[in-house]
Amino acid sequence: MNTKNLVLMALLVGIGAALYLIIPGYGEGMKPDFMLTMMFIGILLFPTFKETFLLSIATAILSGLFSTFPGGFVPNIIDKVVTGIIFFIIVVALRKVAQKIAVGTVLVCLGTLLSGTVFLSMALMLVGLPGGQAFGALFVLVVLPAVLLNAIAFIIIYPIITNLLKRAKFNTSISQA
């Protein structure tokens, strides 16, 4: 892990945190998690276990601290670490095609579905769901819109980041593809 990669990962997490803070919440304090999108972009750019684990932990802690979901700190920690590692495994398995925007978008959608499922499951088991809402209702009202919003954000942000990195001669999976 070199300093340039650490700085870029920190910028991605910071941008994700800023987006997370300015997006308004809905449905009992739930909101789309753009930190997740930035974590996915970081994993696509730096598909190594060390970078993935670092991104997952940093994203998990910040998501937990900023969570507007009642009792959402621990479910966020579990969610981001599990999702990050599974996303990393899939990216490594699809290394040749994962960098393509269409494949990346599908991976982000699947990763967001996984993240939402893990988060709601952990919240249900550990602290309960707010307002006595059912898992299915929160899944439809919060997770599915988050999938769509994360996909749109990825489609907009990923090409911008990859073009900037190519110009800056960063050593990422994009420059090696």
C-alpha atoms as a PDB file:
ATOM      1  CA  MET A   1       0.000   0.000   0.000  1.00  0.00           C
ATOM      2  CA  ASN A   2       1.557   3.267  -1.023  1.00  0.00           C
ATOM      3  CA  THR A   3       0.787   6.770   0.145  1.00  0.00           C
ATOM      4  CA  LYS A   4      -0.882   7.830  -3.116  1.00  0.00           C
ATOM      5  CA  ASN A   5      -3.336   4.936  -2.866  1.00  0.00           C
ATOM      6  CA  LEU A   6      -4.075   5.735   0.773  1.00  0.00           C
ATOM      7  CA  VAL A   7      -4.738   9.373  -0.089  1.00  0.00           C
ATOM      8  CA  LEU A   8      -7.081   8.420  -2.921  1.00  0.00           C
ATOM      9  CA  MET A   9      -8.940   5.943  -0.703  1.00  0.00           C
ATOM     10  CA  ALA A  10      -9.259   8.610   1.996  1.00  0.00           C
ATOM     11  CA  LEU A  11     -10.637  11.051  -0.587  1.00  0.00           C
ATOM     12  CA  LEU A  12     -13.190   8.465  -1.746  1.00  0.00           C
ATOM     13  CA  VAL A  13     -14.311   7.806   1.826  1.00  0.00           C
ATOM     14  CA  GLY A  14     -14.431  11.558   2.507  1.00  0.00           C
ATOM     15  CA  ILE A  15     -16.513  12.249  -0.600  1.00  0.00           C
ATOM     16  CA  GLY A  16     -18.830   9.404   0.384  1.00  0.00           C
ATOM     17  CA  ALA A  17     -19.174  10.823   3.896  1.00  0.00           C
ATOM     18  CA  ALA A  18     -19.942  14.296   2.547  1.00  0.00           C
ATOM     19  CA  LEU A  19     -22.589  12.907   0.196  1.00  0.00           C
ATOM     20  CA  TYR A  20     -24.038  10.822   3.025  1.00  0.00           C
ATOM     21  CA  LEU A  21     -24.361  13.877   5.254  1.00  0.00           C
ATOM     22  CA  ILE A  22     -26.068  16.112   2.700  1.00  0.00           C
ATOM     23  CA  ILE A  23     -28.589  13.562   1.404  1.00  0.00           C
ATOM     24  CA  PRO A  24     -31.870  13.911   3.327  1.00  0.00           C
ATOM     25  CA  GLY A  25     -33.213  10.892   5.169  1.00  0.00           C
ATOM     26  CA  TYR A  26     -36.614   9.309   4.833  1.00  0.00           C
ATOM     27  CA  GLY A  27     -38.498   6.367   6.292  1.00  0.00           C
ATOM     28  CA  GLU A  28     -37.636   6.417  10.015  1.00  0.00           C
ATOM     29  CA  GLY A  29     -34.151   7.863   9.598  1.00  0.00           C
ATOM     30  CA  MET A  30     -33.050   5.678   6.706  1.00  0.00           C
ATOM     31  CA  LYS A  31     -31.170   7.194   3.769  1.00  0.00           C
ATOM     32  CA  PRO A  32     -29.284   5.948   0.714  1.00  0.00           C
ATOM     33  CA  ASP A  33     -25.658   5.237   1.556  1.00  0.00           C
ATOM     34  CA  PHE A  34     -23.383   6.902  -0.968  1.00  0.00           C
ATOM     35  CA  MET A  35     -20.427   5.940   1.212  1.00  0.00           C
ATOM     36  CA  LEU A  36     -21.152   2.438  -0.014  1.00  0.00           C
ATOM     37  CA  THR A  37     -20.833   3.570  -3.646  1.00  0.00           C
ATOM     38  CA  MET A  38     -17.475   5.157  -2.933  1.00  0.00           C
ATOM     39  CA  MET A  39     -16.323   2.008  -1.107  1.00  0.00           C
ATOM     40  CA  PHE A  40     -17.262  -0.041  -4.171  1.00  0.00           C
ATOM     41  CA  ILE A  41     -15.344   2.340  -6.444  1.00  0.00           C
ATOM     42  CA  GLY A  42     -12.332   2.040  -4.149  1.00  0.00           C
ATOM     43  CA  ILE A  43     -12.482  -1.754  -4.251  1.00  0.00           C
ATOM     44  CA  LEU A  44     -12.754  -1.694  -8.053  1.00  0.00           C
ATOM     45  CA  LEU A  45      -9.710   0.602  -8.251  1.00  0.00           C
ATOM     46  CA  PHE A  46      -7.627  -1.256  -5.658  1.00  0.00           C
ATOM     47  CA  PRO A  47      -8.709  -4.900  -5.687  1.00  0.00           C
ATOM     48  CA  THR A  48      -6.409  -6.221  -2.965  1.00  0.00           C
ATOM     49  CA  PHE A  49      -7.488  -7.607   0.369  1.00  0.00           C
ATOM     50  CA  LYS A  50      -5.540  -5.039   2.409  1.00  0.00           C
ATOM     51  CA  GLU A  51      -7.079  -2.075   0.608  1.00  0.00           C
ATOM     52  CA  THR A  52     -10.536  -3.645   0.687  1.00  0.00           C
ATOM     53  CA  PHE A  53     -10.333  -4.313   4.405  1.00  0.00           C
ATOM     54  CA  LEU A  54      -9.086  -0.784   5.103  1.00  0.00           C
ATOM     55  CA  LEU A  55     -11.828   0.779   2.959  1.00  0.00           C
ATOM     56  CA  SER A  56     -14.475  -1.421   4.559  1.00  0.00           C
ATOM     57  CA  ILE A  57     -13.424  -0.566   8.113  1.00  0.00           C
ATOM     58  CA  ALA A  58     -13.131   3.177   7.426  1.00  0.00           C
ATOM     59  CA  THR A  59     -16.484   3.240   5.650  1.00  0.00           C
ATOM     60  CA  ALA A  60     -18.075   1.134   8.385  1.00  0.00           C
ATOM     61  CA  ILE A  61     -16.944   3.383  11.213  1.00  0.00           C
ATOM     62  CA  LEU A  62     -17.975   6.595   9.481  1.00  0.00           C
ATOM     63  CA  SER A  63     -21.311   5.126   8.358  1.00  0.00           C
ATOM     64  CA  GLY A  64     -21.943   3.963  11.894  1.00  0.00           C
ATOM     65  CA  LEU A  65     -21.055   7.334  13.399  1.00  0.00           C
ATOM     66  CA  PHE A  66     -23.202   9.263  10.926  1.00  0.00           C
ATOM     67  CA  SER A  67     -26.091   6.809  10.916  1.00  0.00           C
ATOM     68  CA  THR A  68     -29.528   8.286  11.478  1.00  0.00           C
ATOM     69  CA  PHE A  69     -30.972   4.811  11.953  1.00  0.00           C
ATOM     70  CA  PRO A  70     -31.704   4.192  15.660  1.00  0.00           C
ATOM     71  CA  GLY A  71     -28.997   1.861  16.976  1.00  0.00           C
ATOM     72  CA  GLY A  72     -27.353   1.732  13.552  1.00  0.00           C
ATOM     73  CA  PHE A  73     -23.679   1.791  14.591  1.00  0.00           C
ATOM     74  CA  VAL A  74     -23.061  -1.940  15.039  1.00  0.00           C
ATOM     75  CA  PRO A  75     -25.250  -3.047  12.106  1.00  0.00           C
ATOM     76  CA  ASN A  76     -23.274  -0.614   9.905  1.00  0.00           C
ATOM     77  CA  ILE A  77     -19.952  -2.080  11.044  1.00  0.00           C
ATOM     78  CA  ILE A  78     -21.054  -5.642  10.304  1.00  0.00           C
ATOM     79  CA  ASP A  79     -22.737  -4.647   7.044  1.00  0.00           C
ATOM     80  CA  LYS A  80     -19.813  -2.764   5.493  1.00  0.00           C
ATOM     81  CA  VAL A  81     -17.183  -5.350   6.418  1.00  0.00           C
ATOM     82  CA  VAL A  82     -19.242  -8.292   5.142  1.00  0.00           C
ATOM     83  CA  THR A  83     -20.311  -6.431   1.999  1.00  0.00           C
ATOM     84  CA  GLY A  84     -16.799  -5.166   1.270  1.00  0.00           C
ATOM     85  CA  ILE A  85     -15.224  -8.609   1.520  1.00  0.00           C
ATOM     86  CA  ILE A  86     -17.905 -10.311  -0.580  1.00  0.00           C
ATOM     87  CA  PHE A  87     -17.726  -7.499  -3.172  1.00  0.00           C
ATOM     88  CA  PHE A  88     -13.932  -7.918  -3.270  1.00  0.00           C
ATOM     89  CA  ILE A  89     -14.238 -11.669  -3.868  1.00  0.00           C
ATOM     90  CA  ILE A  90     -16.634 -11.068  -6.756  1.00  0.00           C
ATOM     91  CA  VAL A  91     -14.403  -8.356  -8.263  1.00  0.00           C
ATOM     92  CA  VAL A  92     -11.379 -10.668  -8.097  1.00  0.00           C
ATOM     93  CA  ALA A  93     -13.390 -13.470  -9.712  1.00  0.00           C
ATOM     94  CA  LEU A  94     -14.470 -11.096 -12.506  1.00  0.00           C
ATOM     95  CA  ARG A  95     -11.166  -9.242 -12.716  1.00  0.00           C
ATOM     96  CA  LYS A  96     -11.140  -9.100 -16.537  1.00  0.00           C
ATOM     97  CA  VAL A  97     -14.594  -7.512 -16.909  1.00  0.00           C
ATOM     98  CA  ALA A  98     -15.255  -5.841 -13.540  1.00  0.00           C
ATOM     99  CA  GLN A  99     -13.786  -2.530 -14.754  1.00  0.00           C
ATOM    100  CA  LYS A 100     -16.403  -2.105 -17.485  1.00  0.00           C
ATOM    101  CA  ILE A 101     -19.085   0.427 -16.556  1.00  0.00           C
ATOM    102  CA  ALA A 102     -22.006  -1.945 -17.243  1.00  0.00           C
ATOM    103  CA  VAL A 103     -20.509  -4.782 -15.201  1.00  0.00           C
ATOM    104  CA  GLY A 104     -19.489  -2.375 -12.444  1.00  0.00           C
ATOM    105  CA  THR A 105     -23.010  -0.976 -12.300  1.00  0.00           C
ATOM    106  CA  VAL A 106     -24.493  -4.462 -11.930  1.00  0.00           C
ATOM    107  CA  LEU A 107     -21.945  -5.231  -9.203  1.00  0.00           C
ATOM    108  CA  VAL A 108     -22.807  -1.999  -7.375  1.00  0.00           C
ATOM    109  CA  CYS A 109     -26.511  -2.877  -7.555  1.00  0.00           C
ATOM    110  CA  LEU A 110     -25.889  -6.380  -6.212  1.00  0.00           C
ATOM    111  CA  GLY A 111     -23.528  -5.023  -3.556  1.00  0.00           C
ATOM    112  CA  THR A 112     -26.123  -2.480  -2.439  1.00  0.00           C
ATOM    113  CA  LEU A 113     -28.773  -5.209  -2.240  1.00  0.00           C
ATOM    114  CA  LEU A 114     -26.404  -7.322  -0.147  1.00  0.00           C
ATOM    115  CA  SER A 115     -25.520  -4.352   2.057  1.00  0.00           C
ATOM    116  CA  GLY A 116     -29.159  -3.440   2.662  1.00  0.00           C
ATOM    117  CA  THR A 117     -30.070  -7.025   3.446  1.00  0.00           C
ATOM    118  CA  VAL A 118     -27.186  -7.479   5.875  1.00  0.00           C
ATOM    119  CA  PHE A 119     -27.834  -4.109   7.526  1.00  0.00           C
ATOM    120  CA  LEU A 120     -31.570  -4.690   8.026  1.00  0.00           C
ATOM    121  CA  SER A 121     -30.968  -8.265   9.206  1.00  0.00           C
ATOM    122  CA  MET A 122     -28.388  -7.153  11.760  1.00  0.00           C
ATOM    123  CA  ALA A 123     -30.563  -4.240  12.886  1.00  0.00           C
ATOM    124  CA  LEU A 124     -33.535  -6.587  13.273  1.00  0.00           C
ATOM    125  CA  MET A 125     -31.496  -9.067  15.325  1.00  0.00           C
ATOM    126  CA  LEU A 126     -29.580  -6.548  17.442  1.00  0.00           C
ATOM    127  CA  VAL A 127     -31.793  -3.514  18.026  1.00  0.00           C
ATOM    128  CA  GLY A 128     -35.071  -4.100  16.206  1.00  0.00           C
ATOM    129  CA  LEU A 129     -36.465  -2.138  13.324  1.00  0.00           C
ATOM    130  CA  PRO A 130     -37.755   1.388  14.011  1.00  0.00           C
ATOM    131  CA  GLY A 131     -41.445   2.109  14.281  1.00  0.00           C
ATOM    132  CA  GLY A 132     -42.292  -1.577  14.335  1.00  0.00           C
ATOM    133  CA  GLN A 133     -41.857  -1.709  10.564  1.00  0.00           C
ATOM    134  CA  ALA A 134     -41.445  -5.026   8.821  1.00  0.00           C
ATOM    135  CA  PHE A 135     -38.213  -6.086   7.143  1.00  0.00           C
ATOM    136  CA  GLY A 136     -39.934  -6.313   3.758  1.00  0.00           C
ATOM    137  CA  ALA A 137     -41.419  -2.844   4.017  1.00  0.00           C
ATOM    138  CA  LEU A 138     -38.054  -1.249   4.834  1.00  0.00           C
ATOM    139  CA  PHE A 139     -36.398  -3.289   2.108  1.00  0.00           C
ATOM    140  CA  VAL A 140     -38.852  -1.972  -0.497  1.00  0.00           C
ATOM    141  CA  LEU A 141     -38.977   1.599   0.840  1.00  0.00           C
ATOM    142  CA  VAL A 142     -35.279   2.094   1.518  1.00  0.00           C
ATOM    143  CA  VAL A 143     -33.023  -0.580   0.023  1.00  0.00           C
ATOM    144  CA  LEU A 144     -34.509  -0.731  -3.471  1.00  0.00           C
ATOM    145  CA  PRO A 145     -34.409   3.065  -3.962  1.00  0.00           C
ATOM    146  CA  ALA A 146     -30.835   3.013  -2.616  1.00  0.00           C
ATOM    147  CA  VAL A 147     -29.937   0.429  -5.278  1.00  0.00           C
ATOM    148  CA  LEU A 148     -31.210   2.756  -7.984  1.00  0.00           C
ATOM    149  CA  LEU A 149     -29.538   5.859  -6.525  1.00  0.00           C
ATOM    150  CA  ASN A 150     -26.209   4.074  -6.006  1.00  0.00           C
ATOM    151  CA  ALA A 151     -26.315   2.800  -9.592  1.00  0.00           C
ATOM    152  CA  ILE A 152     -26.940   6.318 -10.910  1.00  0.00           C
ATOM    153  CA  ALA A 153     -24.190   7.753  -8.697  1.00  0.00           C
ATOM    154  CA  PHE A 154     -21.774   5.050  -9.865  1.00  0.00           C
ATOM    155  CA  ILE A 155     -22.574   5.663 -13.537  1.00  0.00           C
ATOM    156  CA  ILE A 156     -21.827   9.372 -13.060  1.00  0.00           C
ATOM    157  CA  ILE A 157     -18.847   9.226 -10.675  1.00  0.00           C
ATOM    158  CA  TYR A 158     -16.872   6.164 -11.822  1.00  0.00           C
ATOM    159  CA  PRO A 159     -15.991   7.403 -15.339  1.00  0.00           C
ATOM    160  CA  ILE A 160     -14.936  10.766 -13.931  1.00  0.00           C
ATOM    161  CA  ILE A 161     -12.628   9.144 -11.380  1.00  0.00           C
ATOM    162  CA  THR A 162     -11.153   6.666 -13.869  1.00  0.00           C
ATOM    163  CA  ASN A 163     -10.437   9.429 -16.410  1.00  0.00           C
ATOM    164  CA  LEU A 164      -8.746  11.551 -13.751  1.00  0.00           C
ATOM    165  CA  LEU A 165      -6.664   8.602 -12.597  1.00  0.00           C
ATOM    166  CA  LYS A 166      -5.540   7.774 -16.127  1.00  0.00           C
ATOM    167  CA  ARG A 167      -4.380  11.372 -16.616  1.00  0.00           C
ATOM    168  CA  ALA A 168      -2.639  11.404 -13.246  1.00  0.00           C
ATOM    169  CA  LYS A 169      -0.860   8.112 -14.041  1.00  0.00           C
ATOM    170  CA  PHE A 170      -2.119   6.462 -10.850  1.00  0.00           C
ATOM    171  CA  ASN A 171      -1.272   2.787 -10.483  1.00  0.00           C
ATOM    172  CA  THR A 172      -4.730   1.231 -10.136  1.00  0.00           C
ATOM    173  CA  SER A 173      -6.524  -1.732 -11.653  1.00  0.00           C
ATOM    174  CA  ILE A 174      -7.804   0.699 -14.311  1.00  0.00           C
ATOM    175  CA  SER A 175      -4.284   1.572 -15.455  1.00  0.00           C
ATOM    176  CA  GLN A 176      -3.377  -2.122 -15.587  1.00  0.00           C
ATOM    177  CA  ALA A 177      -6.443  -3.144 -17.626  1.00  0.00           C
END
